[in-house]
């Protein structure tokens, strides 16, 4: 009976713990918006009028 009560309490508080852990993880991640670069060519090379490109350039060396 005690295990059943403990399991019920665990699963009742689990969503709140997961939400808090997710927010904490996102806050610990570096800001990557500044490393994203958007470029557009309006040369008319494609049917839609030009080339659009979104590229990511990391701030830190990620090869090591």
N, C-alpha and C. Protein backbone atom coordinates (compact mmCIF):
# COMPACT_ATOMS: atom_id res chain seq x y z
N UNK A 1 0.82 -1.19 0.00
CA UNK A 1 0.00 0.00 0.00
C UNK A 1 0.88 1.26 0.00
N UNK A 2 1.98 1.22 0.77
CA UNK A 2 2.88 2.36 0.84
C UNK A 2 3.51 2.63 -0.52
N UNK A 3 3.89 1.57 -1.25
CA UNK A 3 4.48 1.74 -2.58
C UNK A 3 3.48 2.37 -3.54
N UNK A 4 2.24 2.01 -3.43
CA UNK A 4 1.21 2.57 -4.29
C UNK A 4 1.04 4.07 -4.05
N UNK A 5 1.06 4.47 -2.80
CA UNK A 5 0.95 5.89 -2.45
C UNK A 5 2.17 6.65 -2.94
N UNK A 6 3.37 6.07 -2.76
CA UNK A 6 4.58 6.72 -3.23
C UNK A 6 4.58 6.86 -4.75
N UNK A 7 4.15 5.83 -5.46
CA UNK A 7 4.09 5.90 -6.91
C UNK A 7 3.10 6.96 -7.37
N UNK A 8 1.97 7.05 -6.70
CA UNK A 8 0.97 8.05 -7.06
C UNK A 8 1.50 9.47 -6.85
N UNK A 9 2.21 9.69 -5.74
CA UNK A 9 2.80 11.01 -5.49
C UNK A 9 3.88 11.32 -6.53
N UNK A 10 4.68 10.31 -6.88
CA UNK A 10 5.74 10.51 -7.86
C UNK A 10 5.16 10.94 -9.20
N UNK A 11 4.16 10.20 -9.67
CA UNK A 11 3.58 10.53 -10.98
C UNK A 11 2.75 11.81 -10.94
N UNK A 12 2.27 12.20 -9.78
CA UNK A 12 1.53 13.46 -9.67
C UNK A 12 2.47 14.66 -9.78
N UNK A 13 3.69 14.53 -9.29
CA UNK A 13 4.63 15.65 -9.33
C UNK A 13 5.57 15.60 -10.53
N UNK A 14 5.57 14.51 -11.27
CA UNK A 14 6.51 14.34 -12.38
C UNK A 14 6.38 15.41 -13.47
N UNK A 15 5.19 15.77 -13.95
CA UNK A 15 5.11 16.80 -15.00
C UNK A 15 5.72 18.13 -14.58
N UNK A 16 5.52 18.53 -13.33
CA UNK A 16 6.08 19.79 -12.84
C UNK A 16 7.61 19.72 -12.78
N UNK A 17 8.13 18.57 -12.35
CA UNK A 17 9.58 18.40 -12.29
C UNK A 17 10.19 18.41 -13.68
N UNK A 18 9.53 17.76 -14.64
CA UNK A 18 10.03 17.74 -16.01
C UNK A 18 10.00 19.13 -16.64
N UNK A 19 8.93 19.88 -16.39
CA UNK A 19 8.83 21.24 -16.91
C UNK A 19 9.93 22.13 -16.34
N UNK A 20 10.18 22.01 -15.06
CA UNK A 20 11.23 22.81 -14.42
C UNK A 20 12.60 22.43 -14.95
N UNK A 21 12.85 21.14 -15.15
CA UNK A 21 14.14 20.70 -15.68
C UNK A 21 14.33 21.16 -17.12
N UNK A 22 13.25 21.17 -17.90
CA UNK A 22 13.35 21.62 -19.28
C UNK A 22 13.67 23.12 -19.34
N UNK A 23 13.01 23.91 -18.53
CA UNK A 23 13.28 25.35 -18.49
C UNK A 23 14.71 25.60 -18.04
N UNK A 24 15.17 24.87 -17.05
CA UNK A 24 16.55 25.02 -16.57
C UNK A 24 17.54 24.67 -17.68
N UNK A 25 17.27 23.61 -18.44
CA UNK A 25 18.16 23.20 -19.53
C UNK A 25 18.20 24.26 -20.63
N UNK A 26 17.04 24.78 -21.03
CA UNK A 26 17.00 25.80 -22.06
C UNK A 26 17.72 27.07 -21.62
N UNK A 27 17.62 27.44 -20.36
CA UNK A 27 18.30 28.62 -19.85
C UNK A 27 19.82 28.43 -19.84
N UNK A 28 20.28 27.19 -19.71
CA UNK A 28 21.72 26.92 -19.67
C UNK A 28 22.35 26.87 -21.06
N UNK A 29 21.53 26.80 -22.11
CA UNK A 29 22.06 26.71 -23.47
C UNK A 29 22.55 28.08 -23.93
N UNK A 30 23.61 28.11 -24.76
CA UNK A 30 24.10 29.40 -25.26
C UNK A 30 23.13 30.00 -26.27
N UNK A 31 23.18 31.30 -26.39
CA UNK A 31 22.32 32.02 -27.33
C UNK A 31 22.87 31.83 -28.75
N UNK A 32 22.12 31.15 -29.60
CA UNK A 32 22.59 30.84 -30.94
C UNK A 32 22.00 31.74 -32.02
N UNK A 33 21.11 32.64 -31.66
CA UNK A 33 20.48 33.49 -32.67
C UNK A 33 21.49 34.36 -33.39
N UNK A 34 22.51 34.81 -32.71
CA UNK A 34 23.49 35.69 -33.31
C UNK A 34 24.38 34.95 -34.31
N UNK A 35 24.40 33.63 -34.23
CA UNK A 35 25.26 32.85 -35.11
C UNK A 35 24.53 32.43 -36.38
N UNK A 36 23.25 32.75 -36.52
CA UNK A 36 22.49 32.38 -37.70
C UNK A 36 22.54 33.54 -38.70
N UNK A 37 22.84 33.21 -39.93
CA UNK A 37 22.99 34.23 -40.96
C UNK A 37 22.01 33.97 -42.10
N UNK A 38 21.30 34.99 -42.52
CA UNK A 38 20.35 34.89 -43.62
C UNK A 38 20.89 35.68 -44.79
N UNK A 39 20.88 35.07 -45.98
CA UNK A 39 21.31 35.78 -47.18
C UNK A 39 20.31 35.51 -48.29
N UNK A 40 20.18 36.47 -49.19
CA UNK A 40 19.22 36.36 -50.28
C UNK A 40 19.81 36.99 -51.53
N UNK A 41 19.71 36.30 -52.66
CA UNK A 41 20.14 36.84 -53.94
C UNK A 41 18.90 37.05 -54.80
N UNK A 42 18.78 38.23 -55.33
CA UNK A 42 17.62 38.54 -56.16
C UNK A 42 18.03 38.62 -57.62
N UNK A 43 18.81 37.68 -58.09
CA UNK A 43 19.30 37.69 -59.46
C UNK A 43 18.30 37.10 -60.44
N UNK A 44 17.27 36.46 -59.97
CA UNK A 44 16.32 35.82 -60.85
C UNK A 44 16.84 34.50 -61.40
N UNK A 45 17.74 33.84 -60.68
CA UNK A 45 18.33 32.61 -61.15
C UNK A 45 17.37 31.41 -61.03
N UNK A 46 16.37 31.52 -60.18
CA UNK A 46 15.43 30.41 -60.00
C UNK A 46 14.04 30.86 -60.42
N UNK A 47 13.13 29.94 -60.47
CA UNK A 47 11.76 30.26 -60.87
C UNK A 47 11.07 31.21 -59.90
N UNK A 48 11.48 31.18 -58.65
CA UNK A 48 10.85 32.03 -57.64
C UNK A 48 11.54 33.37 -57.50
N UNK A 49 12.57 33.64 -58.29
CA UNK A 49 13.17 34.97 -58.31
C UNK A 49 14.53 35.06 -57.68
N UNK A 50 15.02 34.10 -56.99
CA UNK A 50 16.35 34.20 -56.41
C UNK A 50 16.60 33.15 -55.36
N UNK A 51 17.80 33.16 -54.85
CA UNK A 51 18.23 32.16 -53.87
C UNK A 51 18.12 32.74 -52.47
N UNK A 52 17.57 31.97 -51.57
CA UNK A 52 17.52 32.36 -50.16
C UNK A 52 18.24 31.28 -49.37
N UNK A 53 19.08 31.69 -48.42
CA UNK A 53 19.88 30.74 -47.68
C UNK A 53 19.93 31.14 -46.20
N UNK A 54 19.80 30.15 -45.34
CA UNK A 54 19.91 30.32 -43.90
C UNK A 54 21.04 29.41 -43.44
N UNK A 55 22.10 29.99 -42.87
CA UNK A 55 23.24 29.18 -42.46
C UNK A 55 23.58 29.44 -41.00
N UNK A 56 24.19 28.44 -40.39
CA UNK A 56 24.58 28.50 -38.99
C UNK A 56 26.10 28.49 -38.90
N UNK A 57 26.65 29.46 -38.21
CA UNK A 57 28.08 29.55 -38.01
C UNK A 57 28.34 29.56 -36.50
N UNK A 58 28.80 28.44 -35.94
CA UNK A 58 28.98 28.37 -34.49
C UNK A 58 30.06 29.36 -34.02
N UNK A 59 29.84 29.88 -32.82
CA UNK A 59 30.81 30.80 -32.24
C UNK A 59 32.06 30.09 -31.76
N UNK A 60 31.87 28.89 -31.24
CA UNK A 60 33.01 28.12 -30.71
C UNK A 60 33.39 27.05 -31.70
N UNK A 61 34.63 26.61 -31.64
CA UNK A 61 35.10 25.53 -32.50
C UNK A 61 34.49 24.23 -32.00
N UNK A 62 33.70 23.57 -32.84
CA UNK A 62 33.00 22.36 -32.43
C UNK A 62 33.68 21.10 -32.95
N UNK A 63 34.86 21.20 -33.53
CA UNK A 63 35.52 20.05 -34.11
C UNK A 63 36.32 19.23 -33.08
N UNK A 64 36.57 19.78 -31.92
CA UNK A 64 37.38 19.04 -30.95
C UNK A 64 36.54 18.18 -30.06
